[in-house]
Amino acid sequence: MAARNGVALPSEGSRSGHTVDIAKPFRRVVKNAGLNSSEVVRHTLRHTAITHLVQAGVDLPTVKRISGHKTLMMVERYAHQNGPHIQTAMDKLSKGYRSSA
């Protein structure tokens, strides 16, 4: 196998070409990005992906299926709703009332 020493790819010493434990490569990526490795952990990716899906307008039942959560409550816990996202939703509601009046 050709050497693949990319940021998160396995080294040439990897027998199967797959990294089973991504802890070291992930820490390396976080460090190379100049991020705090005690704050940015692998689980951060899960929270971020779910948040982005919800903010992109993907409905919660679909996000639940994608993420493998058993309940919508857990999806809501992961989907960090912020001020701008909530304000956008309220603006849509407001536009609906203005156009129907």
PDB file of N, CA and C in Angstrom:
ATOM      1  N   MET A   1       0.851  -1.173   0.000  1.00  0.00           N
ATOM      2  CA  MET A   1       0.000   0.000   0.000  1.00  0.00           C
ATOM      3  C   MET A   1       0.895   1.233   0.000  1.00  0.00           C
ATOM      4  N   ALA A   2       0.517   2.224  -0.764  1.00  0.00           N
ATOM      5  CA  ALA A   2       1.286   3.459  -0.817  1.00  0.00           C
ATOM      6  C   ALA A   2       1.141   4.211   0.495  1.00  0.00           C
ATOM      7  N   ALA A   3       2.163   4.960   0.824  1.00  0.00           N
ATOM      8  CA  ALA A   3       2.133   5.741   2.061  1.00  0.00           C
ATOM      9  C   ALA A   3       1.062   6.815   1.962  1.00  0.00           C
ATOM     10  N   ARG A   4       0.269   6.942   3.023  1.00  0.00           N
ATOM     11  CA  ARG A   4      -0.765   7.976   3.091  1.00  0.00           C
ATOM     12  C   ARG A   4      -0.627   8.666   4.437  1.00  0.00           C
ATOM     13  N   ASN A   5       0.190   9.663   4.498  1.00  0.00           N
ATOM     14  CA  ASN A   5       0.418  10.346   5.767  1.00  0.00           C
ATOM     15  C   ASN A   5      -0.321  11.677   5.815  1.00  0.00           C
ATOM     16  N   GLY A   6      -1.581  11.672   5.430  1.00  0.00           N
ATOM     17  CA  GLY A   6      -2.397  12.872   5.485  1.00  0.00           C
ATOM     18  C   GLY A   6      -2.764  13.209   6.914  1.00  0.00           C
ATOM     19  N   VAL A   7      -3.521  14.240   7.055  1.00  0.00           N
ATOM     20  CA  VAL A   7      -3.879  14.725   8.379  1.00  0.00           C
ATOM     21  C   VAL A   7      -4.563  13.655   9.218  1.00  0.00           C
ATOM     22  N   ALA A   8      -5.604  13.015   8.687  1.00  0.00           N
ATOM     23  CA  ALA A   8      -6.351  12.040   9.484  1.00  0.00           C
ATOM     24  C   ALA A   8      -6.280  10.634   8.917  1.00  0.00           C
ATOM     25  N   LEU A   9      -5.551  10.446   7.853  1.00  0.00           N
ATOM     26  CA  LEU A   9      -5.461   9.125   7.242  1.00  0.00           C
ATOM     27  C   LEU A   9      -4.405   8.286   7.940  1.00  0.00           C
ATOM     28  N   PRO A  10      -4.511   6.986   7.836  1.00  0.00           N
ATOM     29  CA  PRO A  10      -3.552   6.114   8.511  1.00  0.00           C
ATOM     30  C   PRO A  10      -2.154   6.231   7.922  1.00  0.00           C
ATOM     31  N   SER A  11      -1.190   5.885   8.724  1.00  0.00           N
ATOM     32  CA  SER A  11       0.193   5.911   8.262  1.00  0.00           C
ATOM     33  C   SER A  11       0.460   4.708   7.386  1.00  0.00           C
ATOM     34  N   GLU A  12       1.623   4.684   6.749  1.00  0.00           N
ATOM     35  CA  GLU A  12       1.964   3.561   5.881  1.00  0.00           C
ATOM     36  C   GLU A  12       2.089   2.270   6.673  1.00  0.00           C
ATOM     37  N   GLY A  13       2.225   2.362   7.994  1.00  0.00           N
ATOM     38  CA  GLY A  13       2.326   1.176   8.836  1.00  0.00           C
ATOM     39  C   GLY A  13       0.996   0.490   9.080  1.00  0.00           C
ATOM     40  N   SER A  14      -0.089   1.107   8.669  1.00  0.00           N
ATOM     41  CA  SER A  14      -1.411   0.519   8.871  1.00  0.00           C
ATOM     42  C   SER A  14      -1.580  -0.676   7.944  1.00  0.00           C
ATOM     43  N   ARG A  15      -1.865  -1.830   8.512  1.00  0.00           N
ATOM     44  CA  ARG A  15      -1.985  -3.055   7.712  1.00  0.00           C
ATOM     45  C   ARG A  15      -3.222  -3.057   6.827  1.00  0.00           C
ATOM     46  N   SER A  16      -4.346  -2.678   7.384  1.00  0.00           N
ATOM     47  CA  SER A  16      -5.603  -2.792   6.644  1.00  0.00           C
ATOM     48  C   SER A  16      -5.952  -1.533   5.868  1.00  0.00           C
ATOM     49  N   GLY A  17      -5.247  -0.442   6.154  1.00  0.00           N
ATOM     50  CA  GLY A  17      -5.603   0.818   5.520  1.00  0.00           C
ATOM     51  C   GLY A  17      -6.723   1.535   6.239  1.00  0.00           C
ATOM     52  N   HIS A  18      -7.189   0.955   7.345  1.00  0.00           N
ATOM     53  CA  HIS A  18      -8.257   1.569   8.126  1.00  0.00           C
ATOM     54  C   HIS A  18      -7.742   1.901   9.516  1.00  0.00           C
ATOM     55  N   THR A  19      -8.166   3.031  10.023  1.00  0.00           N
ATOM     56  CA  THR A  19      -7.831   3.400  11.382  1.00  0.00           C
ATOM     57  C   THR A  19      -9.016   3.041  12.260  1.00  0.00           C
ATOM     58  N   VAL A  20      -8.813   2.115  13.180  1.00  0.00           N
ATOM     59  CA  VAL A  20      -9.894   1.702  14.066  1.00  0.00           C
ATOM     60  C   VAL A  20     -10.026   2.698  15.204  1.00  0.00           C
ATOM     61  N   ASP A  21      -8.921   3.060  15.797  1.00  0.00           N
ATOM     62  CA  ASP A  21      -8.923   4.028  16.890  1.00  0.00           C
ATOM     63  C   ASP A  21      -8.474   5.364  16.318  1.00  0.00           C
ATOM     64  N   ILE A  22      -9.407   6.299  16.214  1.00  0.00           N
ATOM     65  CA  ILE A  22      -9.061   7.577  15.603  1.00  0.00           C
ATOM     66  C   ILE A  22      -8.614   8.622  16.621  1.00  0.00           C
ATOM     67  N   ALA A  23      -8.386   8.209  17.860  1.00  0.00           N
ATOM     68  CA  ALA A  23      -8.047   9.173  18.909  1.00  0.00           C
ATOM     69  C   ALA A  23      -6.793   9.973  18.564  1.00  0.00           C
ATOM     70  N   LYS A  24      -5.718   9.292  18.204  1.00  0.00           N
ATOM     71  CA  LYS A  24      -4.470  10.008  17.902  1.00  0.00           C
ATOM     72  C   LYS A  24      -4.596  10.896  16.666  1.00  0.00           C
ATOM     73  N   PRO A  25      -5.124  10.370  15.547  1.00  0.00           N
ATOM     74  CA  PRO A  25      -5.277  11.257  14.387  1.00  0.00           C
ATOM     75  C   PRO A  25      -6.188  12.447  14.679  1.00  0.00           C
ATOM     76  N   PHE A  26      -7.236  12.226  15.459  1.00  0.00           N
ATOM     77  CA  PHE A  26      -8.147  13.324  15.769  1.00  0.00           C
ATOM     78  C   PHE A  26      -7.435  14.389  16.594  1.00  0.00           C
ATOM     79  N   ARG A  27      -6.676  13.959  17.604  1.00  0.00           N
ATOM     80  CA  ARG A  27      -5.921  14.931  18.414  1.00  0.00           C
ATOM     81  C   ARG A  27      -4.944  15.712  17.538  1.00  0.00           C
ATOM     82  N   ARG A  28      -4.322  15.030  16.574  1.00  0.00           N
ATOM     83  CA  ARG A  28      -3.376  15.688  15.679  1.00  0.00           C
ATOM     84  C   ARG A  28      -4.088  16.745  14.831  1.00  0.00           C
ATOM     85  N   VAL A  29      -5.267  16.412  14.324  1.00  0.00           N
ATOM     86  CA  VAL A  29      -6.034  17.365  13.521  1.00  0.00           C
ATOM     87  C   VAL A  29      -6.416  18.575  14.369  1.00  0.00           C
ATOM     88  N   VAL A  30      -6.892  18.323  15.579  1.00  0.00           N
ATOM     89  CA  VAL A  30      -7.284  19.412  16.480  1.00  0.00           C
ATOM     90  C   VAL A  30      -6.086  20.302  16.779  1.00  0.00           C
ATOM     91  N   LYS A  31      -4.955  19.694  17.078  1.00  0.00           N
ATOM     92  CA  LYS A  31      -3.736  20.458  17.379  1.00  0.00           C
ATOM     93  C   LYS A  31      -3.299  21.273  16.166  1.00  0.00           C
ATOM     94  N   ASN A  32      -3.280  20.634  14.982  1.00  0.00           N
ATOM     95  CA  ASN A  32      -2.857  21.327  13.762  1.00  0.00           C
ATOM     96  C   ASN A  32      -3.789  22.476  13.398  1.00  0.00           C
ATOM     97  N   ALA A  33      -5.044  22.374  13.810  1.00  0.00           N
ATOM     98  CA  ALA A  33      -6.008  23.444  13.548  1.00  0.00           C
ATOM     99  C   ALA A  33      -5.901  24.565  14.576  1.00  0.00           C
ATOM    100  N   GLY A  34      -5.051  24.364  15.582  1.00  0.00           N
ATOM    101  CA  GLY A  34      -4.877  25.380  16.612  1.00  0.00           C
ATOM    102  C   GLY A  34      -6.018  25.433  17.610  1.00  0.00           C
ATOM    103  N   LEU A  35      -6.733  24.320  17.754  1.00  0.00           N
ATOM    104  CA  LEU A  35      -7.865  24.263  18.680  1.00  0.00           C
ATOM    105  C   LEU A  35      -7.447  23.650  20.010  1.00  0.00           C
ATOM    106  N   ASN A  36      -8.248  23.860  21.030  1.00  0.00           N
ATOM    107  CA  ASN A  36      -7.980  23.340  22.363  1.00  0.00           C
ATOM    108  C   ASN A  36      -8.444  21.887  22.438  1.00  0.00           C
ATOM    109  N   SER A  37      -7.502  20.968  22.575  1.00  0.00           N
ATOM    110  CA  SER A  37      -7.838  19.540  22.559  1.00  0.00           C
ATOM    111  C   SER A  37      -8.630  19.090  23.784  1.00  0.00           C
ATOM    112  N   SER A  38      -8.679  19.901  24.824  1.00  0.00           N
ATOM    113  CA  SER A  38      -9.509  19.522  25.969  1.00  0.00           C
ATOM    114  C   SER A  38     -10.963  19.953  25.749  1.00  0.00           C
ATOM    115  N   GLU A  39     -11.191  20.851  24.796  1.00  0.00           N
ATOM    116  CA  GLU A  39     -12.550  21.304  24.499  1.00  0.00           C
ATOM    117  C   GLU A  39     -13.119  20.671  23.234  1.00  0.00           C
ATOM    118  N   VAL A  40     -12.257  20.358  22.277  1.00  0.00           N
ATOM    119  CA  VAL A  40     -12.705  19.763  21.016  1.00  0.00           C
ATOM    120  C   VAL A  40     -12.362  18.282  21.042  1.00  0.00           C
ATOM    121  N   VAL A  41     -13.395  17.470  21.242  1.00  0.00           N
ATOM    122  CA  VAL A  41     -13.221  16.018  21.317  1.00  0.00           C
ATOM    123  C   VAL A  41     -13.999  15.384  20.166  1.00  0.00           C
ATOM    124  N   ARG A  42     -13.822  14.092  19.959  1.00  0.00           N
ATOM    125  CA  ARG A  42     -14.513  13.426  18.849  1.00  0.00           C
ATOM    126  C   ARG A  42     -16.023  13.604  18.935  1.00  0.00           C
ATOM    127  N   HIS A  43     -16.544  13.613  20.124  1.00  0.00           N
ATOM    128  CA  HIS A  43     -17.991  13.762  20.307  1.00  0.00           C
ATOM    129  C   HIS A  43     -18.476  15.138  19.838  1.00  0.00           C
ATOM    130  N   THR A  44     -17.567  16.109  19.815  1.00  0.00           N
ATOM    131  CA  THR A  44     -17.897  17.444  19.322  1.00  0.00           C
ATOM    132  C   THR A  44     -18.402  17.367  17.884  1.00  0.00           C
ATOM    133  N   LEU A  45     -17.831  16.456  17.098  1.00  0.00           N
ATOM    134  CA  LEU A  45     -18.251  16.301  15.703  1.00  0.00           C
ATOM    135  C   LEU A  45     -19.719  15.900  15.612  1.00  0.00           C
ATOM    136  N   ARG A  46     -20.141  15.030  16.507  1.00  0.00           N
ATOM    137  CA  ARG A  46     -21.535  14.566  16.512  1.00  0.00           C
ATOM    138  C   ARG A  46     -22.478  15.723  16.836  1.00  0.00           C
ATOM    139  N   HIS A  47     -22.149  16.470  17.879  1.00  0.00           N
ATOM    140  CA  HIS A  47     -22.969  17.624  18.247  1.00  0.00           C
ATOM    141  C   HIS A  47     -23.030  18.625  17.098  1.00  0.00           C
ATOM    142  N   THR A  48     -21.885  18.901  16.498  1.00  0.00           N
ATOM    143  CA  THR A  48     -21.818  19.883  15.419  1.00  0.00           C
ATOM    144  C   THR A  48     -22.635  19.438  14.212  1.00  0.00           C
ATOM    145  N   ALA A  49     -22.489  18.183  13.814  1.00  0.00           N
ATOM    146  CA  ALA A  49     -23.224  17.680  12.646  1.00  0.00           C
ATOM    147  C   ALA A  49     -24.727  17.761  12.876  1.00  0.00           C
ATOM    148  N   ILE A  50     -25.174  17.359  14.051  1.00  0.00           N
ATOM    149  CA  ILE A  50     -26.609  17.386  14.348  1.00  0.00           C
ATOM    150  C   ILE A  50     -27.120  18.822  14.384  1.00  0.00           C
ATOM    151  N   THR A  51     -26.357  19.715  14.987  1.00  0.00           N
ATOM    152  CA  THR A  51     -26.741  21.124  15.029  1.00  0.00           C
ATOM    153  C   THR A  51     -26.870  21.686  13.621  1.00  0.00           C
ATOM    154  N   HIS A  52     -25.897  21.391  12.763  1.00  0.00           N
ATOM    155  CA  HIS A  52     -25.944  21.904  11.386  1.00  0.00           C
ATOM    156  C   HIS A  52     -27.127  21.333  10.605  1.00  0.00           C
ATOM    157  N   LEU A  53     -27.440  20.066  10.805  1.00  0.00           N
ATOM    158  CA  LEU A  53     -28.600  19.478  10.132  1.00  0.00           C
ATOM    159  C   LEU A  53     -29.884  20.198  10.534  1.00  0.00           C
ATOM    160  N   VAL A  54     -30.059  20.417  11.833  1.00  0.00           N
ATOM    161  CA  VAL A  54     -31.273  21.080  12.319  1.00  0.00           C
ATOM    162  C   VAL A  54     -31.324  22.517  11.812  1.00  0.00           C
ATOM    163  N   GLN A  55     -30.204  23.218  11.868  1.00  0.00           N
ATOM    164  CA  GLN A  55     -30.181  24.604  11.411  1.00  0.00           C
ATOM    165  C   GLN A  55     -30.382  24.719   9.904  1.00  0.00           C
ATOM    166  N   ALA A  56     -30.099  23.645   9.172  1.00  0.00           N
ATOM    167  CA  ALA A  56     -30.330  23.633   7.723  1.00  0.00           C
ATOM    168  C   ALA A  56     -31.785  23.321   7.396  1.00  0.00           C
ATOM    169  N   GLY A  57     -32.584  23.067   8.428  1.00  0.00           N
ATOM    170  CA  GLY A  57     -34.004  22.834   8.215  1.00  0.00           C
ATOM    171  C   GLY A  57     -34.402  21.375   8.103  1.00  0.00           C
ATOM    172  N   VAL A  58     -33.479  20.462   8.388  1.00  0.00           N
ATOM    173  CA  VAL A  58     -33.823  19.039   8.349  1.00  0.00           C
ATOM    174  C   VAL A  58     -34.718  18.743   9.551  1.00  0.00           C
ATOM    175  N   ASP A  59     -35.835  18.070   9.306  1.00  0.00           N
ATOM    176  CA  ASP A  59     -36.778  17.809  10.390  1.00  0.00           C
ATOM    177  C   ASP A  59     -36.175  16.841  11.415  1.00  0.00           C
ATOM    178  N   LEU A  60     -36.620  16.963  12.662  1.00  0.00           N
ATOM    179  CA  LEU A  60     -36.050  16.173  13.756  1.00  0.00           C
ATOM    180  C   LEU A  60     -36.183  14.662  13.573  1.00  0.00           C
ATOM    181  N   PRO A  61     -37.310  14.140  13.074  1.00  0.00           N
ATOM    182  CA  PRO A  61     -37.361  12.688  12.865  1.00  0.00           C
ATOM    183  C   PRO A  61     -36.290  12.193  11.882  1.00  0.00           C
ATOM    184  N   THR A  62     -35.991  12.988  10.859  1.00  0.00           N
ATOM    185  CA  THR A  62     -34.942  12.595   9.909  1.00  0.00           C
ATOM    186  C   THR A  62     -33.576  12.649  10.573  1.00  0.00           C
ATOM    187  N   VAL A  63     -33.321  13.699  11.343  1.00  0.00           N
ATOM    188  CA  VAL A  63     -32.047  13.803  12.068  1.00  0.00           C
ATOM    189  C   VAL A  63     -31.912  12.626  13.029  1.00  0.00           C
ATOM    190  N   LYS A  64     -33.010  12.249  13.655  1.00  0.00           N
ATOM    191  CA  LYS A  64     -33.013  11.100  14.576  1.00  0.00           C
ATOM    192  C   LYS A  64     -32.558   9.839  13.854  1.00  0.00           C
ATOM    193  N   ARG A  65     -33.059   9.617  12.661  1.00  0.00           N
ATOM    194  CA  ARG A  65     -32.662   8.423  11.886  1.00  0.00           C
ATOM    195  C   ARG A  65     -31.195   8.495  11.485  1.00  0.00           C
ATOM    196  N   ILE A  66     -30.754   9.663  11.043  1.00  0.00           N
ATOM    197  CA  ILE A  66     -29.357   9.822  10.620  1.00  0.00           C
ATOM    198  C   ILE A  66     -28.410   9.596  11.788  1.00  0.00           C
ATOM    199  N   SER A  67     -28.747  10.170  12.935  1.00  0.00           N
ATOM    200  CA  SER A  67     -27.845  10.120  14.090  1.00  0.00           C
ATOM    201  C   SER A  67     -27.945   8.821  14.880  1.00  0.00           C
ATOM    202  N   GLY A  68     -29.030   8.075  14.660  1.00  0.00           N
ATOM    203  CA  GLY A  68     -29.191   6.823  15.389  1.00  0.00           C
ATOM    204  C   GLY A  68     -29.735   6.983  16.794  1.00  0.00           C
ATOM    205  N   HIS A  69     -30.243   8.176  17.110  1.00  0.00           N
ATOM    206  CA  HIS A  69     -30.838   8.372  18.429  1.00  0.00           C
ATOM    207  C   HIS A  69     -32.155   7.617  18.525  1.00  0.00           C
ATOM    208  N   LYS A  70     -32.498   7.226  19.737  1.00  0.00           N
ATOM    209  CA  LYS A  70     -33.742   6.491  19.949  1.00  0.00           C
ATOM    210  C   LYS A  70     -34.927   7.414  20.177  1.00  0.00           C
ATOM    211  N   THR A  71     -34.661   8.624  20.665  1.00  0.00           N
ATOM    212  CA  THR A  71     -35.758   9.542  20.965  1.00  0.00           C
ATOM    213  C   THR A  71     -35.491  10.920  20.371  1.00  0.00           C
ATOM    214  N   LEU A  72     -36.574  11.641  20.107  1.00  0.00           N
ATOM    215  CA  LEU A  72     -36.442  13.019  19.637  1.00  0.00           C
ATOM    216  C   LEU A  72     -35.873  13.914  20.727  1.00  0.00           C
ATOM    217  N   MET A  73     -36.118  13.541  21.984  1.00  0.00           N
ATOM    218  CA  MET A  73     -35.591  14.321  23.098  1.00  0.00           C
ATOM    219  C   MET A  73     -34.057  14.372  23.049  1.00  0.00           C
ATOM    220  N   MET A  74     -33.439  13.246  22.704  1.00  0.00           N
ATOM    221  CA  MET A  74     -31.976  13.225  22.613  1.00  0.00           C
ATOM    222  C   MET A  74     -31.486  14.063  21.437  1.00  0.00           C
ATOM    223  N   VAL A  75     -32.216  14.037  20.338  1.00  0.00           N
ATOM    224  CA  VAL A  75     -31.839  14.871  19.191  1.00  0.00           C
ATOM    225  C   VAL A  75     -31.887  16.336  19.598  1.00  0.00           C
ATOM    226  N   GLU A  76     -32.935  16.723  20.307  1.00  0.00           N
ATOM    227  CA  GLU A  76     -33.061  18.104  20.770  1.00  0.00           C
ATOM    228  C   GLU A  76     -31.914  18.487  21.694  1.00  0.00           C
ATOM    229  N   ARG A  77     -31.474  17.560  22.503  1.00  0.00           N
ATOM    230  CA  ARG A  77     -30.366  17.818  23.422  1.00  0.00           C
ATOM    231  C   ARG A  77     -29.073  18.083  22.636  1.00  0.00           C
ATOM    232  N   TYR A  78     -28.893  17.354  21.543  1.00  0.00           N
ATOM    233  CA  TYR A  78     -27.699  17.513  20.717  1.00  0.00           C
ATOM    234  C   TYR A  78     -27.762  18.740  19.820  1.00  0.00           C
ATOM    235  N   ALA A  79     -28.960  19.099  19.379  1.00  0.00           N
ATOM    236  CA  ALA A  79     -29.130  20.196  18.423  1.00  0.00           C
ATOM    237  C   ALA A  79     -29.129  21.520  19.169  1.00  0.00           C
ATOM    238  N   HIS A  80     -27.980  22.089  19.300  1.00  0.00           N
ATOM    239  CA  HIS A  80     -27.827  23.334  20.049  1.00  0.00           C
ATOM    240  C   HIS A  80     -28.481  24.474  19.275  1.00  0.00           C
ATOM    241  N   GLN A  81     -29.625  24.902  19.762  1.00  0.00           N
ATOM    242  CA  GLN A  81     -30.334  25.996  19.116  1.00  0.00           C
ATOM    243  C   GLN A  81     -29.758  27.308  19.622  1.00  0.00           C
ATOM    244  N   ASN A  82     -29.459  28.200  18.693  1.00  0.00           N
ATOM    245  CA  ASN A  82     -28.897  29.483  19.097  1.00  0.00           C
ATOM    246  C   ASN A  82     -29.843  30.618  18.722  1.00  0.00           C
ATOM    247  N   GLY A  83     -29.530  31.804  19.176  1.00  0.00           N
ATOM    248  CA  GLY A  83     -30.369  32.972  18.936  1.00  0.00           C
ATOM    249  C   GLY A  83     -30.697  33.220  17.476  1.00  0.00           C
ATOM    250  N   PRO A  84     -29.684  33.267  16.591  1.00  0.00           N
ATOM    251  CA  PRO A  84     -29.981  33.542  15.178  1.00  0.00           C
ATOM    252  C   PRO A  84     -30.912  32.504  14.548  1.00  0.00           C
ATOM    253  N   HIS A  85     -30.746  31.243  14.896  1.00  0.00           N
ATOM    254  CA  HIS A  85     -31.591  30.182  14.334  1.00  0.00           C
ATOM    255  C   HIS A  85     -33.040  30.359  14.795  1.00  0.00           C
ATOM    256  N   ILE A  86     -33.211  30.677  16.048  1.00  0.00           N
ATOM    257  CA  ILE A  86     -34.556  30.883  16.591  1.00  0.00           C
ATOM    258  C   ILE A  86     -35.176  32.142  15.989  1.00  0.00           C
ATOM    259  N   GLN A  87     -34.373  33.197  15.841  1.00  0.00           N
ATOM    260  CA  GLN A  87     -34.879  34.440  15.252  1.00  0.00           C
ATOM    261  C   GLN A  87     -35.322  34.221  13.808  1.00  0.00           C
ATOM    262  N   THR A  88     -34.578  33.430  13.053  1.00  0.00           N
ATOM    263  CA  THR A  88     -34.955  33.119  11.668  1.00  0.00           C
ATOM    264  C   THR A  88     -36.304  32.413  11.624  1.00  0.00           C
ATOM    265  N   ALA A  89     -36.511  31.477  12.536  1.00  0.00           N
ATOM    266  CA  ALA A  89     -37.795  30.766  12.597  1.00  0.00           C
ATOM    267  C   ALA A  89     -38.927  31.735  12.923  1.00  0.00           C
ATOM    268  N   MET A  90     -38.689  32.627  13.859  1.00  0.00           N
ATOM    269  CA  MET A  90     -39.725  33.594  14.238  1.00  0.00           C
ATOM    270  C   MET A  90     -40.010  34.563  13.091  1.00  0.00           C
ATOM    271  N   ASP A  91     -38.977  34.939  12.336  1.00  0.00           N
ATOM    272  CA  ASP A  91     -39.176  35.813  11.178  1.00  0.00           C
ATOM    273  C   ASP A  91     -40.063  35.138  10.135  1.00  0.00           C
ATOM    274  N   LYS A  92     -39.864  33.837   9.920  1.00  0.00           N
ATOM    275  CA  LYS A  92     -40.705  33.091   8.972  1.00  0.00           C
ATOM    276  C   LYS A  92     -42.158  33.098   9.437  1.00  0.00           C
ATOM    277  N   LEU A  93     -42.364  32.905  10.726  1.00  0.00           N
ATOM    278  CA  LEU A  93     -43.713  32.923  11.279  1.00  0.00           C
ATOM    279  C   LEU A  93     -44.341  34.301  11.090  1.00  0.00           C
ATOM    280  N   SER A  94     -43.572  35.333  11.380  1.00  0.00           N
ATOM    281  CA  SER A  94     -44.058  36.701  11.253  1.00  0.00           C
ATOM    282  C   SER A  94     -44.433  37.020   9.803  1.00  0.00           C
ATOM    283  N   LYS A  95     -43.602  36.593   8.846  1.00  0.00           N
ATOM    284  CA  LYS A  95     -43.901  36.823   7.425  1.00  0.00           C
ATOM    285  C   LYS A  95     -45.201  36.135   7.035  1.00  0.00           C
ATOM    286  N   GLY A  96     -45.442  34.959   7.568  1.00  0.00           N
ATOM    287  CA  GLY A  96     -46.671  34.228   7.272  1.00  0.00           C
ATOM    288  C   GLY A  96     -47.902  34.985   7.730  1.00  0.00           C
ATOM    289  N   TYR A  97     -47.822  35.612   8.906  1.00  0.00           N
ATOM    290  CA  TYR A  97     -48.962  36.371   9.416  1.00  0.00           C
ATOM    291  C   TYR A  97     -49.174  37.647   8.618  1.00  0.00           C
ATOM    292  N   ARG A  98     -48.074  38.302   8.231  1.00  0.00           N
ATOM    293  CA  ARG A  98     -48.205  39.552   7.467  1.00  0.00           C
ATOM    294  C   ARG A  98     -48.798  39.292   6.089  1.00  0.00           C
ATOM    295  N   SER A  99     -48.381  38.198   5.439  1.00  0.00           N
ATOM    296  CA  SER A  99     -48.862  37.936   4.079  1.00  0.00           C
ATOM    297  C   SER A  99     -50.315  37.452   4.059  1.00  0.00           C
ATOM    298  N   SER A 100     -50.791  36.908   5.169  1.00  0.00           N
ATOM    299  CA  SER A 100     -52.178  36.426   5.196  1.00  0.00           C
ATOM    300  C   SER A 100     -53.155  37.502   5.668  1.00  0.00           C
ATOM    301  N   ALA A 101     -52.638  38.628   6.123  1.00  0.00           N
ATOM    302  CA  ALA A 101     -53.507  39.699   6.640  1.00  0.00           C
ATOM    303  C   ALA A 101     -54.053  40.576   5.543  1.00  0.00           C
TER     304      ALA A 101
END
